[in-house]
N, C-alpha and C. Protein backbone atom coordinates (compact mmCIF):
# COMPACT_ATOMS: atom_id res chain seq x y z
N MET A 1 -3.81 63.45 62.19
CA MET A 1 -3.26 63.68 60.91
C MET A 1 -2.12 62.74 60.52
N PRO A 2 -2.07 62.09 59.44
CA PRO A 2 -0.93 61.21 59.18
C PRO A 2 0.41 61.95 59.28
N GLU A 3 1.46 61.23 59.51
CA GLU A 3 2.76 61.78 59.76
C GLU A 3 3.26 62.30 58.35
N SER A 4 2.99 61.75 57.28
CA SER A 4 3.44 62.20 55.99
C SER A 4 2.80 63.54 55.60
N VAL A 5 1.62 63.69 56.02
CA VAL A 5 0.89 65.03 55.73
C VAL A 5 1.49 66.14 56.63
N ALA A 6 1.81 65.84 57.86
CA ALA A 6 2.38 66.74 58.74
C ALA A 6 3.77 67.09 58.34
N GLY A 7 4.54 66.05 57.90
CA GLY A 7 5.82 66.43 57.26
C GLY A 7 5.82 67.34 56.11
N GLY A 8 4.90 67.14 55.26
CA GLY A 8 4.66 68.03 54.14
C GLY A 8 4.23 69.39 54.52
N LEU A 9 3.37 69.44 55.46
CA LEU A 9 2.83 70.79 55.92
C LEU A 9 3.99 71.61 56.61
N ALA A 10 4.98 70.86 57.15
CA ALA A 10 6.16 71.60 57.68
C ALA A 10 6.85 72.40 56.74
N TYR A 11 6.80 72.04 55.45
CA TYR A 11 7.49 72.81 54.41
C TYR A 11 6.70 73.97 53.84
N LEU A 12 5.53 74.21 54.39
CA LEU A 12 4.75 75.32 53.73
C LEU A 12 5.33 76.67 54.20
N SER A 13 5.86 76.77 55.36
CA SER A 13 6.63 78.01 55.79
C SER A 13 7.36 77.50 57.10
N PHE A 14 8.08 78.42 57.69
CA PHE A 14 8.71 78.07 58.98
C PHE A 14 7.81 77.97 60.13
N ILE A 15 6.55 78.55 59.93
CA ILE A 15 5.66 78.60 61.10
C ILE A 15 5.15 77.23 61.45
N PRO A 16 4.59 76.43 60.44
CA PRO A 16 4.17 75.13 60.76
C PRO A 16 5.31 74.20 61.35
N ALA A 17 6.53 74.50 60.77
CA ALA A 17 7.67 73.65 61.23
C ALA A 17 7.91 73.92 62.66
N ILE A 18 7.90 75.11 63.15
CA ILE A 18 8.12 75.35 64.57
C ILE A 18 6.95 74.91 65.47
N VAL A 19 5.77 74.97 64.92
CA VAL A 19 4.58 74.48 65.68
C VAL A 19 4.66 72.97 65.87
N PHE A 20 5.13 72.29 64.73
CA PHE A 20 5.16 70.83 64.94
C PHE A 20 6.19 70.33 65.91
N LEU A 21 7.17 71.20 66.18
CA LEU A 21 8.24 70.86 67.15
C LEU A 21 7.78 70.97 68.62
N PHE A 22 6.58 71.73 68.80
CA PHE A 22 6.15 71.88 70.20
C PHE A 22 4.76 71.24 70.39
N LEU A 23 4.12 70.74 69.36
CA LEU A 23 2.84 70.22 69.50
C LEU A 23 2.81 68.66 69.60
N GLU A 24 2.15 68.21 70.52
CA GLU A 24 1.88 66.64 70.70
C GLU A 24 0.99 66.23 69.67
N PRO A 25 1.11 65.08 69.05
CA PRO A 25 2.03 64.05 69.17
C PRO A 25 3.22 64.27 68.24
N TYR A 26 3.32 65.33 67.56
CA TYR A 26 4.37 65.43 66.50
C TYR A 26 5.74 65.78 67.03
N LYS A 27 5.78 66.27 68.24
CA LYS A 27 7.07 66.66 68.76
C LYS A 27 7.89 65.36 69.11
N SER A 28 7.26 64.28 69.27
CA SER A 28 7.85 63.03 69.59
C SER A 28 7.89 62.05 68.34
N ASN A 29 7.47 62.56 67.26
CA ASN A 29 7.51 61.73 65.94
C ASN A 29 8.78 62.14 65.19
N ARG A 30 9.67 61.17 65.08
CA ARG A 30 10.95 61.45 64.45
C ARG A 30 10.90 61.91 62.97
N PHE A 31 9.93 61.40 62.21
CA PHE A 31 9.75 61.80 60.85
C PHE A 31 9.34 63.30 60.73
N VAL A 32 8.29 63.67 61.52
CA VAL A 32 7.80 65.05 61.43
C VAL A 32 8.96 66.01 62.06
N ARG A 33 9.62 65.55 63.05
CA ARG A 33 10.61 66.42 63.59
C ARG A 33 11.85 66.64 62.45
N PHE A 34 12.17 65.48 61.83
CA PHE A 34 13.15 65.65 60.76
C PHE A 34 12.80 66.66 59.67
N HIS A 35 11.66 66.54 59.22
CA HIS A 35 11.14 67.47 58.11
C HIS A 35 11.00 68.84 58.74
N SER A 36 10.58 69.01 59.95
CA SER A 36 10.54 70.32 60.41
C SER A 36 11.87 70.98 60.68
N PHE A 37 12.80 70.20 61.20
CA PHE A 37 14.22 70.82 61.34
C PHE A 37 14.85 71.09 59.89
N GLN A 38 14.56 70.13 58.94
CA GLN A 38 15.11 70.40 57.63
C GLN A 38 14.56 71.60 56.96
N CYS A 39 13.36 71.87 57.29
CA CYS A 39 12.67 73.15 56.77
C CYS A 39 13.32 74.34 57.41
N LEU A 40 13.52 74.29 58.68
CA LEU A 40 14.04 75.44 59.40
C LEU A 40 15.41 75.72 58.96
N PHE A 41 16.30 74.63 58.75
CA PHE A 41 17.70 74.90 58.35
C PHE A 41 17.73 75.31 56.82
N ALA A 42 16.71 74.87 56.05
CA ALA A 42 16.62 75.36 54.71
C ALA A 42 16.29 76.94 54.65
N TRP A 43 15.45 77.29 55.61
CA TRP A 43 15.15 78.74 55.62
C TRP A 43 16.36 79.48 56.03
N VAL A 44 17.21 78.97 56.98
CA VAL A 44 18.36 79.71 57.31
C VAL A 44 19.43 79.77 56.15
N ALA A 45 19.50 78.70 55.49
CA ALA A 45 20.42 78.55 54.29
C ALA A 45 19.86 79.67 53.17
N ALA A 46 18.55 79.67 53.03
CA ALA A 46 18.04 80.65 52.02
C ALA A 46 18.30 82.15 52.38
N ILE A 47 18.21 82.41 53.66
CA ILE A 47 18.49 83.79 54.12
C ILE A 47 19.96 84.14 53.89
N VAL A 48 20.88 83.21 54.17
CA VAL A 48 22.26 83.43 53.98
C VAL A 48 22.57 83.53 52.43
N ILE A 49 22.05 82.73 51.66
CA ILE A 49 22.24 82.76 50.23
C ILE A 49 21.63 84.18 49.69
N GLY A 50 20.47 84.54 50.23
CA GLY A 50 19.94 85.88 49.87
C GLY A 50 20.92 86.99 50.22
N ALA A 51 21.53 87.01 51.34
CA ALA A 51 22.39 87.92 51.77
C ALA A 51 23.68 88.08 50.89
N VAL A 52 24.14 86.85 50.53
CA VAL A 52 25.32 86.71 49.57
C VAL A 52 24.94 87.29 48.28
N LEU A 53 23.71 86.93 47.76
CA LEU A 53 23.33 87.52 46.46
C LEU A 53 23.14 89.00 46.43
N ARG A 54 22.72 89.48 47.56
CA ARG A 54 22.59 90.85 47.67
C ARG A 54 24.07 91.66 47.53
N LEU A 55 24.98 91.03 48.24
CA LEU A 55 26.33 91.68 48.13
C LEU A 55 26.85 91.45 46.77
N LEU A 56 26.66 90.29 46.10
CA LEU A 56 27.11 90.08 44.71
C LEU A 56 26.36 91.01 43.74
N SER A 57 25.16 91.27 44.02
CA SER A 57 24.39 92.21 43.14
C SER A 57 25.01 93.63 43.17
N MET A 58 25.44 94.09 44.42
CA MET A 58 25.96 95.41 44.44
C MET A 58 27.36 95.44 43.65
N VAL A 59 28.13 94.34 43.74
CA VAL A 59 29.40 94.30 43.05
C VAL A 59 29.11 94.30 41.50
N LEU A 60 28.19 93.43 41.10
CA LEU A 60 27.87 93.30 39.72
C LEU A 60 27.17 94.60 39.04
N PHE A 61 26.53 95.36 39.87
CA PHE A 61 25.94 96.61 39.29
C PHE A 61 27.05 97.61 38.91
N ILE A 62 28.27 97.45 39.40
CA ILE A 62 29.33 98.32 38.90
C ILE A 62 29.59 98.17 37.39
N ILE A 63 29.45 96.93 36.84
CA ILE A 63 29.62 96.75 35.48
C ILE A 63 28.52 97.39 34.69
N PRO A 64 28.90 98.33 33.75
CA PRO A 64 27.81 99.02 33.04
C PRO A 64 27.15 98.01 32.09
N HIS A 65 25.88 98.20 31.91
CA HIS A 65 25.00 97.53 30.93
C HIS A 65 24.92 96.02 31.27
N LEU A 66 26.07 95.26 31.23
CA LEU A 66 26.09 93.93 31.61
C LEU A 66 25.70 93.47 33.04
N GLY A 67 26.10 94.40 33.93
CA GLY A 67 25.92 94.16 35.38
C GLY A 67 24.44 93.83 35.81
N PRO A 68 23.58 94.75 35.41
CA PRO A 68 22.16 94.48 35.74
C PRO A 68 21.51 93.20 35.16
N LEU A 69 21.99 92.91 33.84
CA LEU A 69 21.55 91.64 33.18
C LEU A 69 22.05 90.45 33.95
N LEU A 70 23.32 90.48 34.36
CA LEU A 70 23.86 89.38 35.11
C LEU A 70 23.10 89.15 36.50
N VAL A 71 22.88 90.30 37.08
CA VAL A 71 22.06 90.25 38.39
C VAL A 71 20.76 89.61 38.13
N LEU A 72 20.10 89.97 37.14
CA LEU A 72 18.73 89.46 36.89
C LEU A 72 18.90 87.89 36.56
N LEU A 73 19.82 87.57 35.75
CA LEU A 73 20.07 86.12 35.44
C LEU A 73 20.28 85.29 36.63
N VAL A 74 21.18 85.81 37.61
CA VAL A 74 21.52 85.03 38.80
C VAL A 74 20.24 84.93 39.66
N HIS A 75 19.57 85.98 39.84
CA HIS A 75 18.39 85.92 40.63
C HIS A 75 17.26 85.05 40.13
N VAL A 76 17.11 84.97 38.86
CA VAL A 76 16.14 84.07 38.26
C VAL A 76 16.54 82.62 38.45
N VAL A 77 17.85 82.30 38.18
CA VAL A 77 18.30 81.01 38.38
C VAL A 77 18.25 80.51 39.77
N VAL A 78 18.68 81.25 40.72
CA VAL A 78 18.64 80.98 42.08
C VAL A 78 17.13 80.84 42.55
N GLY A 79 16.30 81.70 42.10
CA GLY A 79 14.86 81.53 42.50
C GLY A 79 14.24 80.32 42.00
N LEU A 80 14.51 79.95 40.76
CA LEU A 80 14.01 78.69 40.17
C LEU A 80 14.55 77.44 40.93
N ALA A 81 15.77 77.54 41.19
CA ALA A 81 16.41 76.45 41.93
C ALA A 81 15.84 76.23 43.29
N ALA A 82 15.61 77.33 44.04
CA ALA A 82 14.96 77.30 45.34
C ALA A 82 13.48 76.80 45.22
N LEU A 83 12.78 77.15 44.24
CA LEU A 83 11.41 76.60 44.01
C LEU A 83 11.48 75.22 43.72
N PHE A 84 12.36 74.67 42.95
CA PHE A 84 12.46 73.23 42.62
C PHE A 84 12.79 72.47 43.83
N VAL A 85 13.72 72.88 44.69
CA VAL A 85 14.16 72.20 45.89
C VAL A 85 13.04 72.18 46.90
N TRP A 86 12.29 73.25 47.04
CA TRP A 86 11.15 73.33 47.84
C TRP A 86 10.04 72.23 47.46
N LEU A 87 9.71 72.37 46.18
CA LEU A 87 8.71 71.29 45.62
C LEU A 87 9.16 69.93 45.91
N VAL A 88 10.50 69.62 45.59
CA VAL A 88 10.87 68.30 45.82
C VAL A 88 10.79 67.80 47.32
N LEU A 89 11.17 68.75 48.20
CA LEU A 89 11.11 68.51 49.69
C LEU A 89 9.55 68.17 50.05
N LEU A 90 8.78 69.05 49.62
CA LEU A 90 7.27 68.95 49.91
C LEU A 90 6.79 67.58 49.42
N VAL A 91 7.03 67.28 48.21
CA VAL A 91 6.47 66.05 47.56
C VAL A 91 7.07 64.74 48.23
N LYS A 92 8.39 64.77 48.47
CA LYS A 92 8.94 63.65 49.20
C LYS A 92 8.36 63.51 50.62
N ALA A 93 8.18 64.54 51.35
CA ALA A 93 7.65 64.40 52.63
C ALA A 93 6.21 63.90 52.59
N VAL A 94 5.38 64.33 51.66
CA VAL A 94 3.95 63.85 51.58
C VAL A 94 4.01 62.39 51.23
N GLN A 95 5.00 62.02 50.42
CA GLN A 95 5.09 60.58 49.97
C GLN A 95 5.73 59.70 51.18
N GLY A 96 6.00 60.29 52.19
CA GLY A 96 6.60 59.52 53.44
C GLY A 96 7.98 59.20 53.32
N GLU A 97 8.77 59.82 52.39
CA GLU A 97 10.22 59.52 52.21
C GLU A 97 11.12 60.36 53.11
N TRP A 98 12.28 59.89 53.48
CA TRP A 98 13.21 60.53 54.21
C TRP A 98 14.21 61.10 53.32
N PHE A 99 13.94 62.16 52.64
CA PHE A 99 14.75 62.75 51.67
C PHE A 99 15.66 63.86 52.26
N LYS A 100 16.95 63.66 52.32
CA LYS A 100 17.84 64.47 53.06
C LYS A 100 18.54 65.47 51.94
N LEU A 101 18.53 66.70 52.31
CA LEU A 101 19.40 67.69 51.50
C LEU A 101 20.82 67.46 51.98
N PRO A 102 21.87 67.64 51.15
CA PRO A 102 23.26 67.70 51.49
C PRO A 102 23.50 68.69 52.61
N LEU A 103 24.23 68.33 53.66
CA LEU A 103 24.55 69.06 54.77
C LEU A 103 23.39 69.38 55.63
N ILE A 104 22.40 70.04 55.07
CA ILE A 104 21.26 70.48 55.85
C ILE A 104 20.56 69.12 56.45
N GLY A 105 20.33 68.09 55.59
CA GLY A 105 19.77 66.93 56.02
C GLY A 105 20.49 66.24 57.18
N ASP A 106 21.82 66.34 57.19
CA ASP A 106 22.59 65.64 58.15
C ASP A 106 22.26 66.43 59.59
N PHE A 107 22.35 67.80 59.48
CA PHE A 107 21.98 68.47 60.79
C PHE A 107 20.48 68.20 61.28
N ALA A 108 19.56 68.07 60.25
CA ALA A 108 18.26 67.89 60.56
C ALA A 108 18.01 66.44 61.28
N GLU A 109 18.77 65.41 60.79
CA GLU A 109 18.73 64.09 61.20
C GLU A 109 19.30 64.07 62.64
N ARG A 110 20.41 64.85 62.84
CA ARG A 110 21.01 64.87 64.22
C ARG A 110 20.00 65.46 65.29
N TYR A 111 19.31 66.45 64.93
CA TYR A 111 18.33 67.09 65.85
C TYR A 111 16.90 66.41 65.92
N SER A 112 16.68 65.51 65.04
CA SER A 112 15.36 64.98 64.89
C SER A 112 14.97 63.82 66.01
N ASP A 113 16.01 63.48 66.71
CA ASP A 113 15.79 62.47 67.64
C ASP A 113 14.89 63.16 68.81
N PRO A 114 13.70 62.50 69.22
CA PRO A 114 12.82 63.03 70.16
C PRO A 114 13.61 63.12 71.57
N MET A 115 13.25 64.17 72.35
CA MET A 115 13.87 64.42 73.70
C MET A 115 13.39 63.32 74.64
């Protein structure tokens, strides 16, 4: 399988990303390792953002009438932003580009060197 396809497949979920880190010949391919690690770090960031949103939602629900609307608005905006970022990462990987997210991409690049 071409490395660009493997890099794109790494973004389908965290499972292919983990598999590519242990499967030959992809575990020694820097491009596939970079996209696999970037996917995993993006999942961790999404979990953290989700936890923060849950706490923010509990605080906003205190506000009568306006609170639930604000919670809905924030969840829709964050969800659409996450979908957009995921699609950009997927397309860039399939095109064979080294597209780095801020902060997360630096960590992924650091860990992508084959052992």
